[in-house]
Amino acid sequence: MPLTRPLRLAAALAAAALLSAGLAGCSAKEPGGCTPGATAGSGSDSVKAAGAFGTTPTISFSTPLHVSSTEVSTLIPGSGAGIVPGQELVADLTILDGTTGKVVTKTDYTGKADATGSTGPATIVVGKSLPSEGLRKALLCAQPGERLAAVLPPNQGFVPGSLGAGVATSDSVVVVVDVRKTYLARANGTNQVMGDGLPAVVLGPDGRPGITIPAAPAPKKLVVADLKKGSGAVLKKGDTAVVHYTGVLWDPNKTVFDSTWKNGAPTALPLKTGSGGVVKGFVSALAGQRVGSQVLAVLPPSEAYGATGSGSVPGNATLVFVVDILGKA
């Protein structure tokens, strides 16, 4: 593993650990060009959630509440681009049994994790790692600042038993979500002109980079070039950056040794070296960059793993990264 990743925000979601996940919903609108996975129906429209956004809501609906397909309604409007597949969001949520109306689990609505034991809001990527089809559908087109109500039918809900013995396999599930924050799905900065002698980068439709290594000796010093220049917040040493990246070896085979794109989700990386940190050159390449930027970084061995290597990275290897900076965690 070329980069230490102590905080893997987009790891595959275990259905039994729902409080580490975020949920959201979507009405028939298509904010920012997203495609809704579900629309409002009589079931989701019947769910009421009193209280201010970001505080624990008082939720009510007539029981039993059952639906045959996932329904999502907006309770408090948000603004901005809607969530697309592969994107990450941060949200508070309450999950209830549609048959009994009882709360099954919820986040603590404190806004952040801290030393007092607060777990803070939940973070999740809208991808194939979600434990149910209904969750994935409900998440699409969520907007920052929205409170949403989603009702998931049994066949699109959760793995049987994951919500506890009190929730029957025949029960629909109600989810009320406050979407606190979303990260970019891909770098959205202004394209920059590349210099000669650097690896060539071609982007796929989803933003995934393809990297071609030139037939030339690898540089001896760290090289950093902007592929896209963003206009968001500036990263500093010590920040935690939410990124998509692909790393290849500087060799004729263009060996990919790690890729969040391949893993299906972005990741959060602390911009520090040492315990729990990343390699020196990665910190140097990203510190000072803005959210929305896409960066090409060529790390000589002295800025990476030196003569010893690490895992699939051999000793004395020069590493090439293409990094999309999606946000600050």
C-alpha atoms as a PDB file:
ATOM      1  CA  MET A   1       0.000   0.000   0.000  1.00  0.00           C
ATOM      2  CA  PRO A   2       1.814   3.168  -1.140  1.00  0.00           C
ATOM      3  CA  LEU A   3       0.011   5.629   1.101  1.00  0.00           C
ATOM      4  CA  THR A   4      -1.009   5.180   4.686  1.00  0.00           C
ATOM      5  CA  ARG A   5      -4.783   5.629   4.946  1.00  0.00           C
ATOM      6  CA  PRO A   6      -5.858   5.709   8.609  1.00  0.00           C
ATOM      7  CA  LEU A   7      -9.135   7.433   7.739  1.00  0.00           C
ATOM      8  CA  ARG A   8     -10.749   5.545   4.875  1.00  0.00           C
ATOM      9  CA  LEU A   9     -13.995   7.510   4.498  1.00  0.00           C
ATOM     10  CA  ALA A  10     -15.152   5.559   1.489  1.00  0.00           C
ATOM     11  CA  ALA A  11     -14.413   2.027   2.636  1.00  0.00           C
ATOM     12  CA  ALA A  12     -17.015  -0.584   1.847  1.00  0.00           C
ATOM     13  CA  LEU A  13     -19.917   0.035   4.193  1.00  0.00           C
ATOM     14  CA  ALA A  14     -20.668  -2.789   6.630  1.00  0.00           C
ATOM     15  CA  ALA A  15     -24.411  -2.999   7.002  1.00  0.00           C
ATOM     16  CA  ALA A  16     -24.113  -3.651  10.718  1.00  0.00           C
ATOM     17  CA  ALA A  17     -22.219  -0.366  11.232  1.00  0.00           C
ATOM     18  CA  LEU A  18     -24.843   2.040   9.959  1.00  0.00           C
ATOM     19  CA  LEU A  19     -23.734   4.952  12.097  1.00  0.00           C
ATOM     20  CA  SER A  20     -20.552   5.157  10.032  1.00  0.00           C
ATOM     21  CA  ALA A  21     -22.660   5.796   6.950  1.00  0.00           C
ATOM     22  CA  GLY A  22     -24.661   8.729   5.621  1.00  0.00           C
ATOM     23  CA  LEU A  23     -27.978   8.669   3.827  1.00  0.00           C
ATOM     24  CA  ALA A  24     -29.763  11.230   1.713  1.00  0.00           C
ATOM     25  CA  GLY A  25     -32.702  11.540  -0.622  1.00  0.00           C
ATOM     26  CA  CYS A  26     -33.897  13.129  -3.792  1.00  0.00           C
ATOM     27  CA  SER A  27     -37.113  14.403  -5.268  1.00  0.00           C
ATOM     28  CA  ALA A  28     -37.787  14.624  -8.985  1.00  0.00           C
ATOM     29  CA  LYS A  29     -35.491  17.640  -9.377  1.00  0.00           C
ATOM     30  CA  GLU A  30     -32.097  17.225 -10.998  1.00  0.00           C
ATOM     31  CA  PRO A  31     -29.799  19.772  -9.279  1.00  0.00           C
ATOM     32  CA  GLY A  32     -26.445  20.211 -10.964  1.00  0.00           C
ATOM     33  CA  GLY A  33     -27.169  17.651 -13.673  1.00  0.00           C
ATOM     34  CA  CYS A  34     -27.515  14.622 -11.400  1.00  0.00           C
ATOM     35  CA  THR A  35     -29.970  11.845 -12.256  1.00  0.00           C
ATOM     36  CA  PRO A  36     -32.431  10.961  -9.467  1.00  0.00           C
ATOM     37  CA  GLY A  37     -32.562   7.358  -8.334  1.00  0.00           C
ATOM     38  CA  ALA A  38     -35.973   7.751  -6.717  1.00  0.00           C
ATOM     39  CA  THR A  39     -38.863  10.216  -6.574  1.00  0.00           C
ATOM     40  CA  ALA A  40     -41.380  11.344  -3.984  1.00  0.00           C
ATOM     41  CA  GLY A  41     -44.433   9.217  -3.239  1.00  0.00           C
ATOM     42  CA  SER A  42     -47.300   9.085  -0.776  1.00  0.00           C
ATOM     43  CA  GLY A  43     -45.130   7.160   1.686  1.00  0.00           C
ATOM     44  CA  SER A  44     -42.203   9.575   1.833  1.00  0.00           C
ATOM     45  CA  ASP A  45     -44.550  12.580   1.673  1.00  0.00           C
ATOM     46  CA  SER A  46     -46.278  11.306   4.820  1.00  0.00           C
ATOM     47  CA  VAL A  47     -43.076  11.551   6.891  1.00  0.00           C
ATOM     48  CA  LYS A  48     -42.783  14.719   9.019  1.00  0.00           C
ATOM     49  CA  ALA A  49     -39.626  15.825  10.855  1.00  0.00           C
ATOM     50  CA  ALA A  50     -39.945  18.842  13.163  1.00  0.00           C
ATOM     51  CA  GLY A  51     -36.918  20.814  14.327  1.00  0.00           C
ATOM     52  CA  ALA A  52     -34.138  22.915  12.829  1.00  0.00           C
ATOM     53  CA  PHE A  53     -31.725  21.514  10.272  1.00  0.00           C
ATOM     54  CA  GLY A  54     -28.728  19.908  11.984  1.00  0.00           C
ATOM     55  CA  THR A  55     -30.617  19.164  15.213  1.00  0.00           C
ATOM     56  CA  THR A  56     -32.268  15.916  16.265  1.00  0.00           C
ATOM     57  CA  PRO A  57     -35.666  15.907  14.520  1.00  0.00           C
ATOM     58  CA  THR A  58     -38.981  14.833  15.988  1.00  0.00           C
ATOM     59  CA  ILE A  59     -40.223  12.379  13.355  1.00  0.00           C
ATOM     60  CA  SER A  60     -43.795  11.247  12.847  1.00  0.00           C
ATOM     61  CA  PHE A  61     -45.716   9.149  10.303  1.00  0.00           C
ATOM     62  CA  SER A  62     -48.688   6.826  10.368  1.00  0.00           C
ATOM     63  CA  THR A  63     -47.784   3.219  11.043  1.00  0.00           C
ATOM     64  CA  PRO A  64     -47.439   0.744   9.555  1.00  0.00           C
ATOM     65  CA  LEU A  65     -45.737   2.464   6.617  1.00  0.00           C
ATOM     66  CA  HIS A  66     -44.847   0.190   3.694  1.00  0.00           C
ATOM     67  CA  VAL A  67     -43.705   0.960   0.145  1.00  0.00           C
ATOM     68  CA  SER A  68     -42.992  -1.244  -2.862  1.00  0.00           C
ATOM     69  CA  SER A  69     -40.146   0.906  -4.220  1.00  0.00           C
ATOM     70  CA  THR A  70     -37.822   3.519  -2.744  1.00  0.00           C
ATOM     71  CA  GLU A  71     -39.430   6.938  -2.255  1.00  0.00           C
ATOM     72  CA  VAL A  72     -37.688  10.211  -1.315  1.00  0.00           C
ATOM     73  CA  SER A  73     -39.148  13.606  -0.409  1.00  0.00           C
ATOM     74  CA  THR A  74     -37.478  16.924   0.420  1.00  0.00           C
ATOM     75  CA  LEU A  75     -38.491  18.280   3.839  1.00  0.00           C
ATOM     76  CA  ILE A  76     -36.145  21.288   3.946  1.00  0.00           C
ATOM     77  CA  PRO A  77     -34.728  22.543   0.606  1.00  0.00           C
ATOM     78  CA  GLY A  78     -30.991  22.731   0.052  1.00  0.00           C
ATOM     79  CA  SER A  79     -28.886  24.351  -2.639  1.00  0.00           C
ATOM     80  CA  GLY A  80     -25.977  23.502  -4.894  1.00  0.00           C
ATOM     81  CA  ALA A  81     -25.099  20.587  -7.113  1.00  0.00           C
ATOM     82  CA  GLY A  82     -26.807  17.254  -6.477  1.00  0.00           C
ATOM     83  CA  ILE A  83     -24.927  14.101  -5.555  1.00  0.00           C
ATOM     84  CA  VAL A  84     -23.810  11.894  -8.457  1.00  0.00           C
ATOM     85  CA  PRO A  85     -22.539   8.284  -8.345  1.00  0.00           C
ATOM     86  CA  GLY A  86     -19.146   8.000  -6.668  1.00  0.00           C
ATOM     87  CA  GLN A  87     -19.496  11.267  -4.749  1.00  0.00           C
ATOM     88  CA  GLU A  88     -19.066  11.642  -1.007  1.00  0.00           C
ATOM     89  CA  LEU A  89     -21.307  13.422   1.497  1.00  0.00           C
ATOM     90  CA  VAL A  90     -21.465  14.155   5.222  1.00  0.00           C
ATOM     91  CA  ALA A  91     -24.861  13.895   6.930  1.00  0.00           C
ATOM     92  CA  ASP A  92     -26.798  13.363  10.130  1.00  0.00           C
ATOM     93  CA  LEU A  93     -29.464  10.672   9.945  1.00  0.00           C
ATOM     94  CA  THR A  94     -32.175   8.893  11.876  1.00  0.00           C
ATOM     95  CA  ILE A  95     -33.358   5.407  10.856  1.00  0.00           C
ATOM     96  CA  LEU A  96     -36.790   4.147  11.936  1.00  0.00           C
ATOM     97  CA  ASP A  97     -38.793   0.954  11.565  1.00  0.00           C
ATOM     98  CA  GLY A  98     -41.635   1.684   9.156  1.00  0.00           C
ATOM     99  CA  THR A  99     -43.917  -0.831  10.881  1.00  0.00           C
ATOM    100  CA  THR A 100     -43.551   0.342  14.490  1.00  0.00           C
ATOM    101  CA  GLY A 101     -42.273   3.915  14.030  1.00  0.00           C
ATOM    102  CA  LYS A 102     -39.486   3.253  16.541  1.00  0.00           C
ATOM    103  CA  VAL A 103     -36.019   4.766  16.094  1.00  0.00           C
ATOM    104  CA  VAL A 104     -33.530   2.034  15.206  1.00  0.00           C
ATOM    105  CA  THR A 105     -30.336   4.110  15.176  1.00  0.00           C
ATOM    106  CA  LYS A 106     -29.183   7.680  14.590  1.00  0.00           C
ATOM    107  CA  THR A 107     -26.144   9.929  14.604  1.00  0.00           C
ATOM    108  CA  ASP A 108     -25.650  12.240  17.582  1.00  0.00           C
ATOM    109  CA  TYR A 109     -26.280  15.538  15.712  1.00  0.00           C
ATOM    110  CA  THR A 110     -23.330  17.249  17.391  1.00  0.00           C
ATOM    111  CA  GLY A 111     -21.704  18.330  14.139  1.00  0.00           C
ATOM    112  CA  LYS A 112     -18.282  16.879  14.898  1.00  0.00           C
ATOM    113  CA  ALA A 113     -16.424  14.044  16.560  1.00  0.00           C
ATOM    114  CA  ASP A 114     -14.513  14.969  19.712  1.00  0.00           C
ATOM    115  CA  ALA A 115     -12.809  13.631  22.825  1.00  0.00           C
ATOM    116  CA  THR A 116     -16.084  13.536  24.780  1.00  0.00           C
ATOM    117  CA  GLY A 117     -17.230  10.524  22.797  1.00  0.00           C
ATOM    118  CA  SER A 118     -19.267  12.324  20.158  1.00  0.00           C
ATOM    119  CA  THR A 119     -19.146  10.417  16.884  1.00  0.00           C
ATOM    120  CA  GLY A 120     -20.214  13.398  14.807  1.00  0.00           C
ATOM    121  CA  PRO A 121     -22.036  13.166  11.472  1.00  0.00           C
ATOM    122  CA  ALA A 122     -21.736  10.219   9.101  1.00  0.00           C
ATOM    123  CA  THR A 123     -19.693  10.132   5.908  1.00  0.00           C
ATOM    124  CA  ILE A 124     -20.266   7.850   2.922  1.00  0.00           C
ATOM    125  CA  VAL A 125     -19.637   7.511  -0.765  1.00  0.00           C
ATOM    126  CA  VAL A 126     -22.562   6.913  -3.114  1.00  0.00           C
ATOM    127  CA  GLY A 127     -21.227   3.797  -4.767  1.00  0.00           C
ATOM    128  CA  LYS A 128     -21.529   0.070  -5.153  1.00  0.00           C
ATOM    129  CA  SER A 129     -20.280  -0.450  -1.594  1.00  0.00           C
ATOM    130  CA  LEU A 130     -23.632   0.668  -0.243  1.00  0.00           C
ATOM    131  CA  PRO A 131     -25.430  -2.270   1.393  1.00  0.00           C
ATOM    132  CA  SER A 132     -28.729  -1.806  -0.415  1.00  0.00           C
ATOM    133  CA  GLU A 133     -30.161  -0.698  -3.719  1.00  0.00           C
ATOM    134  CA  GLY A 134     -32.598   1.594  -1.914  1.00  0.00           C
ATOM    135  CA  LEU A 135     -29.828   3.495  -0.144  1.00  0.00           C
ATOM    136  CA  ARG A 136     -27.987   4.096  -3.377  1.00  0.00           C
ATOM    137  CA  LYS A 137     -31.155   5.349  -5.067  1.00  0.00           C
ATOM    138  CA  ALA A 138     -32.056   7.574  -2.136  1.00  0.00           C
ATOM    139  CA  LEU A 139     -28.617   9.212  -2.013  1.00  0.00           C
ATOM    140  CA  LEU A 140     -28.585  10.390  -5.618  1.00  0.00           C
ATOM    141  CA  CYS A 141     -29.297  14.123  -6.086  1.00  0.00           C
ATOM    142  CA  ALA A 142     -28.962  15.042  -2.407  1.00  0.00           C
ATOM    143  CA  GLN A 143     -27.990  18.710  -1.923  1.00  0.00           C
ATOM    144  CA  PRO A 144     -26.099  20.412   0.906  1.00  0.00           C
ATOM    145  CA  GLY A 145     -28.511  21.953   3.393  1.00  0.00           C
ATOM    146  CA  GLU A 146     -31.393  19.603   2.607  1.00  0.00           C
ATOM    147  CA  ARG A 147     -33.409  17.555   5.049  1.00  0.00           C
ATOM    148  CA  LEU A 148     -34.830  14.532   3.267  1.00  0.00           C
ATOM    149  CA  ALA A 149     -37.135  11.643   4.089  1.00  0.00           C
ATOM    150  CA  ALA A 150     -36.602   8.298   2.370  1.00  0.00           C
ATOM    151  CA  VAL A 151     -38.688   5.155   2.683  1.00  0.00           C
ATOM    152  CA  LEU A 152     -36.966   1.923   1.631  1.00  0.00           C
ATOM    153  CA  PRO A 153     -38.913  -1.274   0.871  1.00  0.00           C
ATOM    154  CA  PRO A 154     -37.677  -4.571   2.361  1.00  0.00           C
ATOM    155  CA  ASN A 155     -36.165  -5.829  -0.904  1.00  0.00           C
ATOM    156  CA  GLN A 156     -34.157  -2.575  -1.328  1.00  0.00           C
ATOM    157  CA  GLY A 157     -33.351  -1.992   2.329  1.00  0.00           C
ATOM    158  CA  PHE A 158     -30.687  -3.498   4.550  1.00  0.00           C
ATOM    159  CA  VAL A 159     -29.103  -6.900   5.013  1.00  0.00           C
ATOM    160  CA  PRO A 160     -31.547  -8.960   7.119  1.00  0.00           C
ATOM    161  CA  GLY A 161     -30.697  -8.645  10.803  1.00  0.00           C
ATOM    162  CA  SER A 162     -28.303  -5.702  10.383  1.00  0.00           C
ATOM    163  CA  LEU A 163     -30.742  -3.269  12.015  1.00  0.00           C
ATOM    164  CA  GLY A 164     -31.313  -5.532  14.996  1.00  0.00           C
ATOM    165  CA  ALA A 165     -33.807  -8.205  15.931  1.00  0.00           C
ATOM    166  CA  GLY A 166     -36.609  -5.654  16.336  1.00  0.00           C
ATOM    167  CA  VAL A 167     -36.789  -4.941  12.596  1.00  0.00           C
ATOM    168  CA  ALA A 168     -38.494  -7.730  10.652  1.00  0.00           C
ATOM    169  CA  THR A 169     -37.351  -8.705   7.171  1.00  0.00           C
ATOM    170  CA  SER A 170     -40.794  -7.650   5.920  1.00  0.00           C
ATOM    171  CA  ASP A 171     -40.531  -4.105   7.351  1.00  0.00           C
ATOM    172  CA  SER A 172     -39.906  -1.009   5.274  1.00  0.00           C
ATOM    173  CA  VAL A 173     -37.353   1.424   6.720  1.00  0.00           C
ATOM    174  CA  VAL A 174     -37.727   5.195   7.097  1.00  0.00           C
ATOM    175  CA  VAL A 175     -34.637   7.399   6.967  1.00  0.00           C
ATOM    176  CA  VAL A 176     -34.554  11.147   7.717  1.00  0.00           C
ATOM    177  CA  VAL A 177     -31.331  12.846   6.638  1.00  0.00           C
ATOM    178  CA  ASP A 178     -29.749  16.259   7.095  1.00  0.00           C
ATOM    179  CA  VAL A 179     -27.085  16.669   4.388  1.00  0.00           C
ATOM    180  CA  ARG A 180     -24.412  18.810   6.021  1.00  0.00           C
ATOM    181  CA  LYS A 181     -21.738  18.787   3.320  1.00  0.00           C
ATOM    182  CA  THR A 182     -20.758  17.284  -0.004  1.00  0.00           C
ATOM    183  CA  TYR A 183     -17.330  16.854  -1.579  1.00  0.00           C
ATOM    184  CA  LEU A 184     -16.558  17.162  -5.281  1.00  0.00           C
ATOM    185  CA  ALA A 185     -16.957  14.053  -7.408  1.00  0.00           C
ATOM    186  CA  ARG A 186     -13.878  15.008  -9.460  1.00  0.00           C
ATOM    187  CA  ALA A 187     -11.549  17.967  -9.930  1.00  0.00           C
ATOM    188  CA  ASN A 188     -13.424  20.867 -11.525  1.00  0.00           C
ATOM    189  CA  GLY A 189     -10.677  23.469 -11.907  1.00  0.00           C
ATOM    190  CA  THR A 190      -9.495  25.258 -15.032  1.00  0.00           C
ATOM    191  CA  ASN A 191      -7.411  23.135 -17.413  1.00  0.00           C
ATOM    192  CA  GLN A 192      -3.707  24.024 -17.484  1.00  0.00           C
ATOM    193  CA  VAL A 193      -1.074  23.665 -20.207  1.00  0.00           C
ATOM    194  CA  MET A 194       1.341  20.838 -19.505  1.00  0.00           C
ATOM    195  CA  GLY A 195       5.085  21.160 -19.972  1.00  0.00           C
ATOM    196  CA  ASP A 196       7.218  18.869 -22.138  1.00  0.00           C
ATOM    197  CA  GLY A 197       8.848  15.732 -20.789  1.00  0.00           C
ATOM    198  CA  LEU A 198       6.153  14.937 -18.239  1.00  0.00           C
ATOM    199  CA  PRO A 199       3.824  11.935 -18.203  1.00  0.00           C
ATOM    200  CA  ALA A 200       0.761  12.380 -20.423  1.00  0.00           C
ATOM    201  CA  VAL A 201      -2.660  12.204 -18.762  1.00  0.00           C
ATOM    202  CA  VAL A 202      -5.951  11.384 -20.486  1.00  0.00           C
ATOM    203  CA  LEU A 203      -9.210  11.449 -18.506  1.00  0.00           C
ATOM    204  CA  GLY A 204     -12.066   8.996 -18.884  1.00  0.00           C
ATOM    205  CA  PRO A 205     -15.727  10.088 -18.872  1.00  0.00           C
ATOM    206  CA  ASP A 206     -15.912   9.757 -15.078  1.00  0.00           C
ATOM    207  CA  GLY A 207     -12.628  11.610 -14.523  1.00  0.00           C
ATOM    208  CA  ARG A 208     -10.462   8.525 -14.078  1.00  0.00           C
ATOM    209  CA  PRO A 209      -6.929   9.309 -15.341  1.00  0.00           C
ATOM    210  CA  GLY A 210      -4.912   7.233 -17.765  1.00  0.00           C
ATOM    211  CA  ILE A 211      -1.192   7.905 -17.429  1.00  0.00           C
ATOM    212  CA  THR A 212       1.502   7.384 -20.078  1.00  0.00           C
ATOM    213  CA  ILE A 213       5.145   7.461 -18.974  1.00  0.00           C
ATOM    214  CA  PRO A 214       7.582   9.062 -21.458  1.00  0.00           C
ATOM    215  CA  ALA A 215      10.532   7.093 -22.834  1.00  0.00           C
ATOM    216  CA  ALA A 216      13.032   9.112 -20.844  1.00  0.00           C
ATOM    217  CA  PRO A 217      14.939   8.814 -17.566  1.00  0.00           C
ATOM    218  CA  ALA A 218      12.910   9.651 -14.477  1.00  0.00           C
ATOM    219  CA  PRO A 219      13.584  13.051 -12.893  1.00  0.00           C
ATOM    220  CA  LYS A 220      15.891  13.099  -9.875  1.00  0.00           C
ATOM    221  CA  LYS A 221      13.914  15.736  -7.983  1.00  0.00           C
ATOM    222  CA  LEU A 222      10.246  16.180  -7.046  1.00  0.00           C
ATOM    223  CA  VAL A 223       8.173  17.531  -9.942  1.00  0.00           C
ATOM    224  CA  VAL A 224       4.698  18.997  -9.408  1.00  0.00           C
ATOM    225  CA  ALA A 225       2.494  20.282 -12.243  1.00  0.00           C
ATOM    226  CA  ASP A 226      -1.084  21.565 -12.270  1.00  0.00           C
ATOM    227  CA  LEU A 227      -3.424  19.734 -14.635  1.00  0.00           C
ATOM    228  CA  LYS A 228      -6.441  21.689 -13.377  1.00  0.00           C
ATOM    229  CA  LYS A 229      -6.311  24.737 -11.139  1.00  0.00           C
ATOM    230  CA  GLY A 230      -9.127  24.871  -8.600  1.00  0.00           C
ATOM    231  CA  SER A 231     -10.591  27.836  -6.747  1.00  0.00           C
ATOM    232  CA  GLY A 232     -11.580  26.212  -3.457  1.00  0.00           C
ATOM    233  CA  ALA A 233      -9.996  26.213  -0.013  1.00  0.00           C
ATOM    234  CA  VAL A 234      -6.210  26.005   0.225  1.00  0.00           C
ATOM    235  CA  LEU A 235      -4.696  22.831   1.689  1.00  0.00           C
ATOM    236  CA  LYS A 236      -2.080  23.206   4.394  1.00  0.00           C
ATOM    237  CA  LYS A 237       0.306  20.746   6.001  1.00  0.00           C
ATOM    238  CA  GLY A 238      -1.590  18.922   8.716  1.00  0.00           C
ATOM    239  CA  ASP A 239      -4.951  19.155   6.912  1.00  0.00           C
ATOM    240  CA  THR A 240      -6.840  16.029   5.899  1.00  0.00           C
ATOM    241  CA  ALA A 241      -7.472  16.074   2.159  1.00  0.00           C
ATOM    242  CA  VAL A 242     -10.306  14.157   0.485  1.00  0.00           C
ATOM    243  CA  VAL A 243      -8.874  12.955  -2.814  1.00  0.00           C
ATOM    244  CA  HIS A 244      -9.111  10.612  -5.745  1.00  0.00           C
ATOM    245  CA  TYR A 245      -5.731   9.454  -7.015  1.00  0.00           C
ATOM    246  CA  THR A 246      -3.960   7.010  -9.269  1.00  0.00           C
ATOM    247  CA  GLY A 247      -0.335   6.072  -8.712  1.00  0.00           C
ATOM    248  CA  VAL A 248       1.900   4.417 -11.305  1.00  0.00           C
ATOM    249  CA  LEU A 249       5.570   3.466 -11.417  1.00  0.00           C
ATOM    250  CA  TRP A 250       7.878   5.347 -13.784  1.00  0.00           C
ATOM    251  CA  ASP A 251       8.610   2.313 -15.932  1.00  0.00           C
ATOM    252  CA  PRO A 252       7.760   1.174 -19.475  1.00  0.00           C
ATOM    253  CA  ASN A 253       4.941  -1.020 -18.155  1.00  0.00           C
ATOM    254  CA  LYS A 254       3.123   1.932 -16.535  1.00  0.00           C
ATOM    255  CA  THR A 255       2.438  -0.310 -13.540  1.00  0.00           C
ATOM    256  CA  VAL A 256      -0.500   0.972 -11.470  1.00  0.00           C
ATOM    257  CA  PHE A 257       0.364   0.274  -7.830  1.00  0.00           C
ATOM    258  CA  ASP A 258      -2.654   1.988  -6.254  1.00  0.00           C
ATOM    259  CA  SER A 259      -5.815   3.777  -7.330  1.00  0.00           C
ATOM    260  CA  THR A 260      -8.843   5.042  -5.451  1.00  0.00           C
ATOM    261  CA  TRP A 261     -10.687   5.022  -8.787  1.00  0.00           C
ATOM    262  CA  LYS A 262     -10.126   1.282  -9.021  1.00  0.00           C
ATOM    263  CA  ASN A 263     -11.234   0.878  -5.414  1.00  0.00           C
ATOM    264  CA  GLY A 264     -14.466   2.721  -6.264  1.00  0.00           C
ATOM    265  CA  ALA A 265     -14.293   5.550  -3.735  1.00  0.00           C
ATOM    266  CA  PRO A 266     -12.220   8.605  -2.805  1.00  0.00           C
ATOM    267  CA  THR A 267     -10.196   8.580   0.397  1.00  0.00           C
ATOM    268  CA  ALA A 268      -9.101  10.982   3.137  1.00  0.00           C
ATOM    269  CA  LEU A 269      -5.362  11.444   3.618  1.00  0.00           C
ATOM    270  CA  PRO A 270      -3.594  13.474   6.331  1.00  0.00           C
ATOM    271  CA  LEU A 271      -0.993  15.834   4.882  1.00  0.00           C
ATOM    272  CA  LYS A 272       1.741  14.806   7.263  1.00  0.00           C
ATOM    273  CA  THR A 273       4.579  12.289   7.341  1.00  0.00           C
ATOM    274  CA  GLY A 274       5.453   9.792  10.019  1.00  0.00           C
ATOM    275  CA  SER A 275       2.998   7.681  11.980  1.00  0.00           C
ATOM    276  CA  GLY A 276      -0.431   7.723  10.334  1.00  0.00           C
ATOM    277  CA  GLY A 277       0.847   9.945   7.554  1.00  0.00           C
ATOM    278  CA  VAL A 278       1.851   9.687   3.905  1.00  0.00           C
ATOM    279  CA  VAL A 279       5.108   9.841   1.968  1.00  0.00           C
ATOM    280  CA  LYS A 280       7.051  13.092   2.002  1.00  0.00           C
ATOM    281  CA  GLY A 281       6.580  13.952  -1.675  1.00  0.00           C
ATOM    282  CA  PHE A 282       2.804  13.563  -1.469  1.00  0.00           C
ATOM    283  CA  VAL A 283       2.642  16.171   1.302  1.00  0.00           C
ATOM    284  CA  SER A 284       4.897  18.558  -0.622  1.00  0.00           C
ATOM    285  CA  ALA A 285       2.821  18.133  -3.799  1.00  0.00           C
ATOM    286  CA  LEU A 286      -0.544  18.883  -2.175  1.00  0.00           C
ATOM    287  CA  ALA A 287       0.258  21.486   0.477  1.00  0.00           C
ATOM    288  CA  GLY A 288      -0.640  24.898  -0.977  1.00  0.00           C
ATOM    289  CA  GLN A 289      -3.001  23.477  -3.603  1.00  0.00           C
ATOM    290  CA  ARG A 290      -6.684  24.431  -3.778  1.00  0.00           C
ATOM    291  CA  VAL A 291      -9.753  22.220  -3.654  1.00  0.00           C
ATOM    292  CA  GLY A 292     -10.907  21.526  -7.216  1.00  0.00           C
ATOM    293  CA  SER A 293      -7.344  21.167  -8.510  1.00  0.00           C
ATOM    294  CA  GLN A 294      -5.894  18.153 -10.268  1.00  0.00           C
ATOM    295  CA  VAL A 295      -2.181  17.676  -9.675  1.00  0.00           C
ATOM    296  CA  LEU A 296       0.488  15.594 -11.385  1.00  0.00           C
ATOM    297  CA  ALA A 297       3.334  14.706  -9.020  1.00  0.00           C
ATOM    298  CA  VAL A 298       6.510  12.780  -9.836  1.00  0.00           C
ATOM    299  CA  LEU A 299       8.216  11.516  -6.683  1.00  0.00           C
ATOM    300  CA  PRO A 300      11.829  10.310  -6.861  1.00  0.00           C
ATOM    301  CA  PRO A 301      12.790   7.551  -4.396  1.00  0.00           C
ATOM    302  CA  SER A 302      14.055  10.105  -1.862  1.00  0.00           C
ATOM    303  CA  GLU A 303      10.541  11.611  -1.707  1.00  0.00           C
ATOM    304  CA  ALA A 304       8.803   8.218  -1.585  1.00  0.00           C
ATOM    305  CA  TYR A 305      10.045   4.816  -0.318  1.00  0.00           C
ATOM    306  CA  GLY A 306      13.762   5.026  -1.020  1.00  0.00           C
ATOM    307  CA  ALA A 307      15.864   1.922  -1.518  1.00  0.00           C
ATOM    308  CA  THR A 308      13.602  -0.361   0.518  1.00  0.00           C
ATOM    309  CA  GLY A 309      10.283   0.133  -1.307  1.00  0.00           C
ATOM    310  CA  SER A 310       6.934  -0.779   0.237  1.00  0.00           C
ATOM    311  CA  GLY A 311       4.481  -3.538  -0.652  1.00  0.00           C
ATOM    312  CA  SER A 312       4.011  -3.564  -4.426  1.00  0.00           C
ATOM    313  CA  VAL A 313       6.405  -0.607  -4.806  1.00  0.00           C
ATOM    314  CA  PRO A 314       9.966  -1.866  -5.401  1.00  0.00           C
ATOM    315  CA  GLY A 315      13.068  -0.232  -3.998  1.00  0.00           C
ATOM    316  CA  ASN A 316      14.403   2.905  -5.721  1.00  0.00           C
ATOM    317  CA  ALA A 317      11.103   3.394  -7.566  1.00  0.00           C
ATOM    318  CA  THR A 318       9.991   6.747  -8.943  1.00  0.00           C
ATOM    319  CA  LEU A 319       6.259   7.244  -8.394  1.00  0.00           C
ATOM    320  CA  VAL A 320       3.830   9.204 -10.540  1.00  0.00           C
ATOM    321  CA  PHE A 321       0.551  10.406  -9.026  1.00  0.00           C
ATOM    322  CA  VAL A 322      -2.438  12.134 -10.561  1.00  0.00           C
ATOM    323  CA  VAL A 323      -4.499  13.550  -7.691  1.00  0.00           C
ATOM    324  CA  ASP A 324      -7.967  15.134  -7.752  1.00  0.00           C
ATOM    325  CA  ILE A 325      -8.439  17.338  -4.671  1.00  0.00           C
ATOM    326  CA  LEU A 326     -12.111  16.972  -3.732  1.00  0.00           C
ATOM    327  CA  GLY A 327     -12.242  18.738  -0.377  1.00  0.00           C
ATOM    328  CA  LYS A 328     -10.958  19.164   3.161  1.00  0.00           C
ATOM    329  CA  ALA A 329     -12.326  16.743   5.768  1.00  0.00           C
END
